[in-house]
Amino acid sequence: MDEMKVARAMGWFSIGLGVVEAVAGKQVGRALGMPDQALVFRAFGAREIATGVAVLASDRPTAGMWARVAGDALDLAALGSGMTPSNPRKGNLAAAIAVVAGITAVDYWCARRLSEGRSHGRATGRPEGVDRGATSGLASRVS
């Protein structure tokens, strides 16, 4: 799987989700049984949009993908705080938590692959055709 394609897809996903959260934070909160958290959902929407733009604006969006992972952790913590006995929409909330957990796994996989310098299944970030011999550093550039 190509992590750059996944990163781009997740960047667009961030923007789409962010717009929904920013515009309809009250409705999102109500659907999850957390109507008093509309401002939090709107703020998370702004964060999602910014993260999505950062991912899409970069040729190598490693930092943007790690920002998505961090945002996912915030989302999971916020959603988990709504899992109270008095929440009438615990089923919706549990489904949202499951979806965010799955998205977190994809974001983590992609961020880690980008951090390792892997691309298109190769073990290193070296372009194809570069000599992988014993020389390295300045010595390989001079010879």
C-alpha atoms as a PDB file:
ATOM      1  CA  MET A   1       0.000   0.000   0.000  1.00  0.00           C
ATOM      2  CA  ASP A   2       1.308   3.483  -0.850  1.00  0.00           C
ATOM      3  CA  GLU A   3       1.434   5.626   2.294  1.00  0.00           C
ATOM      4  CA  MET A   4       1.521   8.840   0.236  1.00  0.00           C
ATOM      5  CA  LYS A   5      -1.845   7.996  -1.322  1.00  0.00           C
ATOM      6  CA  VAL A   6      -3.208   7.116   2.123  1.00  0.00           C
ATOM      7  CA  ALA A   7      -1.880  10.397   3.541  1.00  0.00           C
ATOM      8  CA  ARG A   8      -3.551  12.392   0.772  1.00  0.00           C
ATOM      9  CA  ALA A   9      -6.836  10.559   1.314  1.00  0.00           C
ATOM     10  CA  MET A  10      -6.632  11.200   5.049  1.00  0.00           C
ATOM     11  CA  GLY A  11      -5.880  14.874   4.357  1.00  0.00           C
ATOM     12  CA  TRP A  12      -9.084  15.199   2.341  1.00  0.00           C
ATOM     13  CA  PHE A  13     -10.964  13.195   4.975  1.00  0.00           C
ATOM     14  CA  SER A  14      -9.726  15.640   7.642  1.00  0.00           C
ATOM     15  CA  ILE A  15     -11.005  18.610   5.699  1.00  0.00           C
ATOM     16  CA  GLY A  16     -14.401  17.016   5.096  1.00  0.00           C
ATOM     17  CA  LEU A  17     -14.849  15.911   8.698  1.00  0.00           C
ATOM     18  CA  GLY A  18     -13.576  19.262   9.924  1.00  0.00           C
ATOM     19  CA  VAL A  19     -16.147  21.167   7.895  1.00  0.00           C
ATOM     20  CA  VAL A  20     -18.935  18.997   9.293  1.00  0.00           C
ATOM     21  CA  GLU A  21     -17.724  19.447  12.881  1.00  0.00           C
ATOM     22  CA  ALA A  22     -17.114  23.182  12.488  1.00  0.00           C
ATOM     23  CA  VAL A  23     -20.478  23.888  10.865  1.00  0.00           C
ATOM     24  CA  ALA A  24     -22.623  21.376  12.744  1.00  0.00           C
ATOM     25  CA  GLY A  25     -20.873  20.978  16.097  1.00  0.00           C
ATOM     26  CA  LYS A  26     -24.168  21.278  17.974  1.00  0.00           C
ATOM     27  CA  GLN A  27     -25.821  18.564  15.889  1.00  0.00           C
ATOM     28  CA  VAL A  28     -22.787  16.279  16.213  1.00  0.00           C
ATOM     29  CA  GLY A  29     -22.841  16.757  19.982  1.00  0.00           C
ATOM     30  CA  ARG A  30     -26.557  16.007  20.138  1.00  0.00           C
ATOM     31  CA  ALA A  31     -26.193  12.851  18.017  1.00  0.00           C
ATOM     32  CA  LEU A  32     -23.536  11.564  20.425  1.00  0.00           C
ATOM     33  CA  GLY A  33     -25.467  12.480  23.568  1.00  0.00           C
ATOM     34  CA  MET A  34     -23.043  15.319  24.307  1.00  0.00           C
ATOM     35  CA  PRO A  35     -25.049  18.454  23.424  1.00  0.00           C
ATOM     36  CA  ASP A  36     -23.084  20.608  25.866  1.00  0.00           C
ATOM     37  CA  GLN A  37     -19.861  19.926  23.937  1.00  0.00           C
ATOM     38  CA  ALA A  38     -20.772  21.763  20.716  1.00  0.00           C
ATOM     39  CA  LEU A  39     -17.898  24.227  21.121  1.00  0.00           C
ATOM     40  CA  VAL A  40     -15.438  21.354  21.581  1.00  0.00           C
ATOM     41  CA  PHE A  41     -16.653  19.689  18.375  1.00  0.00           C
ATOM     42  CA  ARG A  42     -16.360  23.003  16.508  1.00  0.00           C
ATOM     43  CA  ALA A  43     -12.796  23.467  17.786  1.00  0.00           C
ATOM     44  CA  PHE A  44     -11.958  19.900  16.776  1.00  0.00           C
ATOM     45  CA  GLY A  45     -13.386  20.728  13.344  1.00  0.00           C
ATOM     46  CA  ALA A  46     -11.004  23.663  12.984  1.00  0.00           C
ATOM     47  CA  ARG A  47      -8.134  21.399  14.034  1.00  0.00           C
ATOM     48  CA  GLU A  48      -9.166  18.777  11.467  1.00  0.00           C
ATOM     49  CA  ILE A  49      -9.259  21.357   8.677  1.00  0.00           C
ATOM     50  CA  ALA A  50      -5.831  22.722   9.620  1.00  0.00           C
ATOM     51  CA  THR A  51      -4.346  19.240   9.821  1.00  0.00           C
ATOM     52  CA  GLY A  52      -5.846  18.255   6.489  1.00  0.00           C
ATOM     53  CA  VAL A  53      -4.432  21.339   4.816  1.00  0.00           C
ATOM     54  CA  ALA A  54      -1.008  20.633   6.360  1.00  0.00           C
ATOM     55  CA  VAL A  55      -1.051  17.061   5.022  1.00  0.00           C
ATOM     56  CA  LEU A  56      -2.110  18.116   1.527  1.00  0.00           C
ATOM     57  CA  ALA A  57       0.332  21.040   1.347  1.00  0.00           C
ATOM     58  CA  SER A  58       3.402  18.902   2.017  1.00  0.00           C
ATOM     59  CA  ASP A  59       5.391  16.727  -0.377  1.00  0.00           C
ATOM     60  CA  ARG A  60       6.263  14.491   2.584  1.00  0.00           C
ATOM     61  CA  PRO A  61       3.443  14.944   5.142  1.00  0.00           C
ATOM     62  CA  THR A  62       5.056  13.106   8.052  1.00  0.00           C
ATOM     63  CA  ALA A  63       4.428  15.891  10.596  1.00  0.00           C
ATOM     64  CA  GLY A  64       0.857  16.342   9.391  1.00  0.00           C
ATOM     65  CA  MET A  65       0.134  12.655   9.789  1.00  0.00           C
ATOM     66  CA  TRP A  66       1.600  12.616  13.317  1.00  0.00           C
ATOM     67  CA  ALA A  67      -0.619  15.637  14.036  1.00  0.00           C
ATOM     68  CA  ARG A  68      -3.573  13.533  12.884  1.00  0.00           C
ATOM     69  CA  VAL A  69      -2.544  10.757  15.289  1.00  0.00           C
ATOM     70  CA  ALA A  70      -2.369  13.277  18.152  1.00  0.00           C
ATOM     71  CA  GLY A  71      -5.748  14.688  17.142  1.00  0.00           C
ATOM     72  CA  ASP A  72      -7.203  11.187  17.096  1.00  0.00           C
ATOM     73  CA  ALA A  73      -6.015  10.717  20.687  1.00  0.00           C
ATOM     74  CA  LEU A  74      -7.775  13.951  21.684  1.00  0.00           C
ATOM     75  CA  ASP A  75     -10.921  12.827  19.875  1.00  0.00           C
ATOM     76  CA  LEU A  76     -10.907   9.460  21.629  1.00  0.00           C
ATOM     77  CA  ALA A  77     -10.426  11.120  25.031  1.00  0.00           C
ATOM     78  CA  ALA A  78     -13.251  13.576  24.391  1.00  0.00           C
ATOM     79  CA  LEU A  79     -15.571  10.870  23.120  1.00  0.00           C
ATOM     80  CA  GLY A  80     -14.686   8.605  26.029  1.00  0.00           C
ATOM     81  CA  SER A  81     -15.649  11.357  28.466  1.00  0.00           C
ATOM     82  CA  GLY A  82     -19.184  11.186  27.097  1.00  0.00           C
ATOM     83  CA  MET A  83     -19.586   7.504  27.946  1.00  0.00           C
ATOM     84  CA  THR A  84     -21.571   8.196  31.109  1.00  0.00           C
ATOM     85  CA  PRO A  85     -24.533   6.303  32.547  1.00  0.00           C
ATOM     86  CA  SER A  86     -26.777   9.290  31.833  1.00  0.00           C
ATOM     87  CA  ASN A  87     -25.909   9.487  28.119  1.00  0.00           C
ATOM     88  CA  PRO A  88     -29.001   8.357  26.167  1.00  0.00           C
ATOM     89  CA  ARG A  89     -26.968   7.936  22.967  1.00  0.00           C
ATOM     90  CA  LYS A  90     -24.248   5.582  24.176  1.00  0.00           C
ATOM     91  CA  GLY A  91     -24.764   3.355  21.130  1.00  0.00           C
ATOM     92  CA  ASN A  92     -24.013   6.229  18.753  1.00  0.00           C
ATOM     93  CA  LEU A  93     -21.061   7.222  20.889  1.00  0.00           C
ATOM     94  CA  ALA A  94     -19.671   3.676  20.969  1.00  0.00           C
ATOM     95  CA  ALA A  95     -19.934   3.512  17.173  1.00  0.00           C
ATOM     96  CA  ALA A  96     -18.117   6.840  16.857  1.00  0.00           C
ATOM     97  CA  ILE A  97     -15.364   5.611  19.181  1.00  0.00           C
ATOM     98  CA  ALA A  98     -14.965   2.449  17.094  1.00  0.00           C
ATOM     99  CA  VAL A  99     -14.723   4.463  13.869  1.00  0.00           C
ATOM    100  CA  VAL A 100     -12.174   6.874  15.353  1.00  0.00           C
ATOM    101  CA  ALA A 101     -10.137   3.925  16.672  1.00  0.00           C
ATOM    102  CA  GLY A 102     -10.029   2.455  13.163  1.00  0.00           C
ATOM    103  CA  ILE A 103      -9.038   5.786  11.658  1.00  0.00           C
ATOM    104  CA  THR A 104      -6.342   6.110  14.328  1.00  0.00           C
ATOM    105  CA  ALA A 105      -4.875   2.776  13.247  1.00  0.00           C
ATOM    106  CA  VAL A 106      -4.675   3.962   9.624  1.00  0.00           C
ATOM    107  CA  ASP A 107      -3.183   7.324  10.639  1.00  0.00           C
ATOM    108  CA  TYR A 108      -0.598   5.638  12.869  1.00  0.00           C
ATOM    109  CA  TRP A 109       0.395   3.156  10.158  1.00  0.00           C
ATOM    110  CA  CYS A 110       0.807   5.955   7.630  1.00  0.00           C
ATOM    111  CA  ALA A 111       2.720   8.284   9.984  1.00  0.00           C
ATOM    112  CA  ARG A 112       5.061   5.489  10.984  1.00  0.00           C
ATOM    113  CA  ARG A 113       5.744   4.481   7.379  1.00  0.00           C
ATOM    114  CA  LEU A 114       6.440   8.097   6.452  1.00  0.00           C
ATOM    115  CA  SER A 115       8.744   8.450   9.477  1.00  0.00           C
ATOM    116  CA  GLU A 116      10.701   5.363   8.460  1.00  0.00           C
ATOM    117  CA  GLY A 117      11.279   6.847   5.038  1.00  0.00           C
ATOM    118  CA  ARG A 118       9.572   3.964   3.314  1.00  0.00           C
ATOM    119  CA  SER A 119       7.849   4.634   0.076  1.00  0.00           C
ATOM    120  CA  HIS A 120       6.110   2.262  -2.303  1.00  0.00           C
ATOM    121  CA  GLY A 121       7.161  -0.755  -0.258  1.00  0.00           C
ATOM    122  CA  ARG A 122      10.909  -0.048  -0.290  1.00  0.00           C
ATOM    123  CA  ALA A 123      12.859  -0.463   2.947  1.00  0.00           C
ATOM    124  CA  THR A 124      14.565   2.950   2.822  1.00  0.00           C
ATOM    125  CA  GLY A 125      13.863   6.430   1.573  1.00  0.00           C
ATOM    126  CA  ARG A 126      16.587   6.193  -1.128  1.00  0.00           C
ATOM    127  CA  PRO A 127      15.402   6.676  -4.681  1.00  0.00           C
ATOM    128  CA  GLU A 128      15.453   3.565  -6.812  1.00  0.00           C
ATOM    129  CA  GLY A 129      18.779   2.941  -8.506  1.00  0.00           C
ATOM    130  CA  VAL A 130      20.932   4.542  -5.796  1.00  0.00           C
ATOM    131  CA  ASP A 131      23.914   2.382  -4.867  1.00  0.00           C
ATOM    132  CA  ARG A 132      23.327   0.714  -1.495  1.00  0.00           C
ATOM    133  CA  GLY A 133      26.959  -0.363  -1.117  1.00  0.00           C
ATOM    134  CA  ALA A 134      29.157  -0.076   1.963  1.00  0.00           C
ATOM    135  CA  THR A 135      30.176   3.555   1.370  1.00  0.00           C
ATOM    136  CA  SER A 136      28.144   6.320   2.887  1.00  0.00           C
ATOM    137  CA  GLY A 137      28.270  10.000   3.707  1.00  0.00           C
ATOM    138  CA  LEU A 138      30.812  12.308   2.076  1.00  0.00           C
ATOM    139  CA  ALA A 139      32.958   9.427   0.784  1.00  0.00           C
ATOM    140  CA  SER A 140      30.121   8.171  -1.428  1.00  0.00           C
ATOM    141  CA  ARG A 141      29.490  11.641  -2.859  1.00  0.00           C
ATOM    142  CA  VAL A 142      33.156  12.278  -3.661  1.00  0.00           C
ATOM    143  CA  SER A 143      33.838   8.978  -5.427  1.00  0.00           C
END
